[in-house]
N, C-alpha and C. Protein backbone atom coordinates (compact mmCIF):
# COMPACT_ATOMS: atom_id res chain seq x y z
N MET A 1 127.78 -37.53 -133.64
CA MET A 1 126.36 -37.76 -133.77
C MET A 1 126.03 -39.23 -133.52
N THR A 2 126.91 -40.12 -133.95
CA THR A 2 126.68 -41.55 -133.72
C THR A 2 126.63 -41.84 -132.23
N GLN A 3 127.53 -41.21 -131.47
CA GLN A 3 127.56 -41.46 -130.03
C GLN A 3 126.25 -41.01 -129.39
N LYS A 4 125.71 -39.87 -129.82
CA LYS A 4 124.43 -39.40 -129.27
C LYS A 4 123.33 -40.40 -129.58
N LYS A 5 123.32 -40.93 -130.81
CA LYS A 5 122.31 -41.91 -131.19
C LYS A 5 122.43 -43.16 -130.33
N ASN A 6 123.65 -43.63 -130.09
CA ASN A 6 123.86 -44.81 -129.25
C ASN A 6 123.40 -44.55 -127.82
N GLU A 7 123.66 -43.35 -127.32
CA GLU A 7 123.23 -43.01 -125.97
C GLU A 7 121.71 -43.04 -125.87
N ASP A 8 121.02 -42.57 -126.91
CA ASP A 8 119.56 -42.56 -126.92
C ASP A 8 118.99 -43.97 -126.92
N GLN A 9 119.72 -44.93 -127.50
CA GLN A 9 119.23 -46.29 -127.61
C GLN A 9 119.57 -47.14 -126.40
N GLN A 10 120.43 -46.64 -125.52
CA GLN A 10 120.81 -47.42 -124.35
C GLN A 10 119.64 -47.55 -123.40
N GLU A 11 119.60 -48.71 -122.76
CA GLU A 11 118.56 -48.92 -121.77
C GLU A 11 118.89 -48.17 -120.49
N GLU A 12 117.87 -47.71 -119.83
CA GLU A 12 118.02 -47.13 -118.50
C GLU A 12 117.37 -48.12 -117.55
N GLY A 13 118.11 -49.13 -117.19
CA GLY A 13 117.55 -50.22 -116.42
C GLY A 13 117.90 -50.16 -114.95
N VAL A 14 117.00 -50.71 -114.17
CA VAL A 14 117.25 -50.89 -112.74
C VAL A 14 117.02 -52.36 -112.41
N GLU A 15 117.90 -52.87 -111.57
CA GLU A 15 117.75 -54.26 -111.16
C GLU A 15 116.59 -54.39 -110.19
N VAL A 16 115.80 -55.42 -110.38
CA VAL A 16 114.67 -55.71 -109.50
C VAL A 16 114.95 -57.06 -108.85
N PRO A 17 115.12 -57.09 -107.52
CA PRO A 17 115.35 -58.39 -106.88
C PRO A 17 114.20 -59.35 -107.18
N TYR A 18 114.54 -60.52 -107.68
CA TYR A 18 113.50 -61.47 -108.08
C TYR A 18 112.63 -61.87 -106.90
N THR A 19 113.16 -61.77 -105.69
CA THR A 19 112.40 -62.13 -104.50
C THR A 19 111.29 -61.13 -104.20
N GLN A 20 111.36 -59.95 -104.84
CA GLN A 20 110.32 -58.94 -104.63
C GLN A 20 109.24 -58.99 -105.71
N ILE A 21 109.35 -59.96 -106.60
CA ILE A 21 108.35 -60.12 -107.66
C ILE A 21 107.40 -61.24 -107.24
N ALA A 22 106.11 -61.00 -107.39
CA ALA A 22 105.12 -62.03 -107.04
C ALA A 22 105.48 -63.33 -107.77
N PRO A 23 105.41 -64.48 -107.08
CA PRO A 23 105.80 -65.76 -107.70
C PRO A 23 105.12 -66.04 -109.04
N GLU A 24 103.83 -65.73 -109.16
CA GLU A 24 103.13 -65.98 -110.41
C GLU A 24 103.67 -65.10 -111.53
N THR A 25 103.97 -63.85 -111.20
CA THR A 25 104.52 -62.91 -112.18
C THR A 25 105.91 -63.35 -112.61
N LEU A 26 106.72 -63.75 -111.66
CA LEU A 26 108.07 -64.22 -111.97
C LEU A 26 108.01 -65.45 -112.87
N GLN A 27 107.11 -66.36 -112.56
CA GLN A 27 106.93 -67.57 -113.37
C GLN A 27 106.60 -67.20 -114.82
N ARG A 28 105.68 -66.26 -115.00
CA ARG A 28 105.28 -65.85 -116.35
C ARG A 28 106.42 -65.11 -117.07
N LEU A 29 107.17 -64.30 -116.33
CA LEU A 29 108.30 -63.59 -116.91
C LEU A 29 109.34 -64.58 -117.42
N ILE A 30 109.65 -65.58 -116.62
CA ILE A 30 110.63 -66.58 -117.03
C ILE A 30 110.10 -67.40 -118.19
N GLN A 31 108.83 -67.80 -118.15
CA GLN A 31 108.25 -68.57 -119.26
C GLN A 31 108.31 -67.78 -120.56
N GLU A 32 108.00 -66.50 -120.50
CA GLU A 32 108.06 -65.67 -121.70
C GLU A 32 109.50 -65.58 -122.20
N PHE A 33 110.44 -65.44 -121.29
CA PHE A 33 111.85 -65.32 -121.65
C PHE A 33 112.36 -66.58 -122.34
N VAL A 34 112.07 -67.75 -121.77
CA VAL A 34 112.62 -68.99 -122.34
C VAL A 34 111.90 -69.43 -123.60
N SER A 35 110.72 -68.88 -123.86
CA SER A 35 109.99 -69.29 -125.07
C SER A 35 110.06 -68.23 -126.18
N ARG A 36 110.91 -67.24 -126.02
CA ARG A 36 111.06 -66.21 -127.06
C ARG A 36 111.54 -66.84 -128.35
N ASP A 37 111.20 -66.20 -129.42
CA ASP A 37 111.61 -66.62 -130.76
C ASP A 37 111.16 -68.04 -131.08
N GLY A 38 110.08 -68.47 -130.48
CA GLY A 38 109.52 -69.77 -130.80
C GLY A 38 110.36 -70.95 -130.35
N ALA A 39 111.17 -70.77 -129.33
CA ALA A 39 112.02 -71.86 -128.83
C ALA A 39 111.16 -73.05 -128.43
N ASP A 40 111.57 -74.22 -128.87
CA ASP A 40 110.88 -75.46 -128.53
C ASP A 40 111.87 -76.35 -127.79
N TRP A 41 111.77 -76.38 -126.48
CA TRP A 41 112.74 -77.10 -125.66
C TRP A 41 112.53 -78.60 -125.68
N THR A 42 111.38 -79.05 -126.16
CA THR A 42 111.14 -80.50 -126.19
C THR A 42 112.06 -81.19 -127.18
N GLU A 43 112.51 -80.46 -128.21
CA GLU A 43 113.43 -81.04 -129.18
C GLU A 43 114.77 -81.40 -128.55
N THR A 44 115.14 -80.71 -127.49
CA THR A 44 116.41 -80.97 -126.81
C THR A 44 116.23 -81.89 -125.61
N GLY A 45 115.01 -82.41 -125.44
CA GLY A 45 114.74 -83.28 -124.30
C GLY A 45 114.50 -82.53 -123.01
N CYS A 46 114.20 -81.26 -123.13
CA CYS A 46 114.01 -80.40 -121.97
C CYS A 46 112.62 -79.77 -122.06
N SER A 47 111.84 -79.88 -121.02
CA SER A 47 110.50 -79.29 -121.03
C SER A 47 110.56 -77.81 -120.66
N LEU A 48 109.49 -77.10 -120.94
CA LEU A 48 109.40 -75.70 -120.55
C LEU A 48 109.59 -75.56 -119.05
N GLU A 49 109.00 -76.45 -118.29
CA GLU A 49 109.14 -76.40 -116.83
C GLU A 49 110.58 -76.59 -116.40
N ASP A 50 111.30 -77.50 -117.09
CA ASP A 50 112.72 -77.72 -116.78
C ASP A 50 113.52 -76.45 -117.04
N LYS A 51 113.25 -75.81 -118.17
CA LYS A 51 113.98 -74.60 -118.53
C LYS A 51 113.67 -73.47 -117.56
N VAL A 52 112.41 -73.34 -117.16
CA VAL A 52 112.03 -72.31 -116.17
C VAL A 52 112.78 -72.56 -114.87
N GLU A 53 112.87 -73.79 -114.44
CA GLU A 53 113.59 -74.13 -113.21
C GLU A 53 115.07 -73.80 -113.34
N GLN A 54 115.65 -74.02 -114.52
CA GLN A 54 117.06 -73.68 -114.74
C GLN A 54 117.29 -72.18 -114.58
N VAL A 55 116.39 -71.38 -115.15
CA VAL A 55 116.53 -69.93 -115.05
C VAL A 55 116.32 -69.48 -113.61
N LEU A 56 115.34 -70.06 -112.92
CA LEU A 56 115.11 -69.72 -111.52
C LEU A 56 116.35 -70.05 -110.68
N ARG A 57 116.99 -71.16 -110.98
CA ARG A 57 118.22 -71.54 -110.27
C ARG A 57 119.32 -70.50 -110.55
N GLN A 58 119.40 -70.02 -111.77
CA GLN A 58 120.39 -68.99 -112.11
C GLN A 58 120.12 -67.70 -111.34
N LEU A 59 118.85 -67.36 -111.16
CA LEU A 59 118.51 -66.18 -110.36
C LEU A 59 118.94 -66.38 -108.91
N ARG A 60 118.64 -67.54 -108.36
CA ARG A 60 119.02 -67.84 -106.97
C ARG A 60 120.52 -67.81 -106.77
N ASP A 61 121.26 -68.30 -107.79
CA ASP A 61 122.72 -68.38 -107.71
C ASP A 61 123.40 -67.08 -108.14
N LYS A 62 122.58 -66.06 -108.40
CA LYS A 62 123.08 -64.75 -108.83
C LYS A 62 123.88 -64.81 -110.13
N LYS A 63 123.49 -65.74 -111.00
CA LYS A 63 124.10 -65.84 -112.32
C LYS A 63 123.24 -65.11 -113.35
N ALA A 64 122.05 -64.72 -112.94
CA ALA A 64 121.12 -63.94 -113.78
C ALA A 64 120.39 -62.97 -112.87
N LYS A 65 119.82 -61.93 -113.49
CA LYS A 65 119.07 -60.95 -112.72
C LYS A 65 117.93 -60.41 -113.56
N VAL A 66 116.95 -59.83 -112.88
CA VAL A 66 115.82 -59.19 -113.55
C VAL A 66 116.13 -57.70 -113.62
N VAL A 67 115.98 -57.13 -114.82
CA VAL A 67 116.22 -55.71 -115.02
C VAL A 67 114.97 -55.10 -115.63
N PHE A 68 114.55 -53.97 -115.07
CA PHE A 68 113.40 -53.25 -115.60
C PHE A 68 113.92 -52.04 -116.35
N ASP A 69 113.59 -51.93 -117.64
CA ASP A 69 114.02 -50.82 -118.47
C ASP A 69 113.02 -49.67 -118.32
N LEU A 70 113.51 -48.55 -117.80
CA LEU A 70 112.64 -47.41 -117.53
C LEU A 70 112.11 -46.77 -118.80
N ARG A 71 112.86 -46.84 -119.89
CA ARG A 71 112.41 -46.21 -121.14
C ARG A 71 111.29 -47.00 -121.80
N SER A 72 111.51 -48.30 -121.92
CA SER A 72 110.49 -49.11 -122.61
C SER A 72 109.46 -49.68 -121.65
N GLU A 73 109.71 -49.53 -120.36
CA GLU A 73 108.84 -50.05 -119.31
C GLU A 73 108.61 -51.55 -119.47
N THR A 74 109.71 -52.26 -119.71
CA THR A 74 109.67 -53.71 -119.85
C THR A 74 110.70 -54.33 -118.92
N ALA A 75 110.43 -55.58 -118.56
CA ALA A 75 111.37 -56.32 -117.73
C ALA A 75 112.06 -57.35 -118.59
N ASN A 76 113.31 -57.65 -118.23
CA ASN A 76 114.07 -58.64 -118.97
C ASN A 76 114.97 -59.39 -118.00
N LEU A 77 115.38 -60.57 -118.40
CA LEU A 77 116.35 -61.35 -117.65
C LEU A 77 117.70 -61.23 -118.34
N VAL A 78 118.73 -60.94 -117.58
CA VAL A 78 120.07 -60.81 -118.15
C VAL A 78 121.04 -61.62 -117.31
N SER A 79 122.11 -62.08 -117.95
CA SER A 79 123.12 -62.83 -117.20
C SER A 79 124.02 -61.84 -116.47
N CYS A 80 124.56 -62.32 -115.39
CA CYS A 80 125.46 -61.47 -114.59
C CYS A 80 126.90 -61.66 -115.00
């Protein structure tokens, strides 16, 4: 029964090439991702724009990818 419950909670995600996402939408997706849980990057000497650029670089370098979860109908960034 536990295995069935775990299967129900698994994401059914599909990778979405970041190049197929409108630039403004991608920018907002990355901004939302890096600012989750109230992260304040200025304390580390890094601005929100710097952090967004770091994530964009990870997407370009194929170190991260955008995944759309079909069950929750949400997009997320995950490391490769």
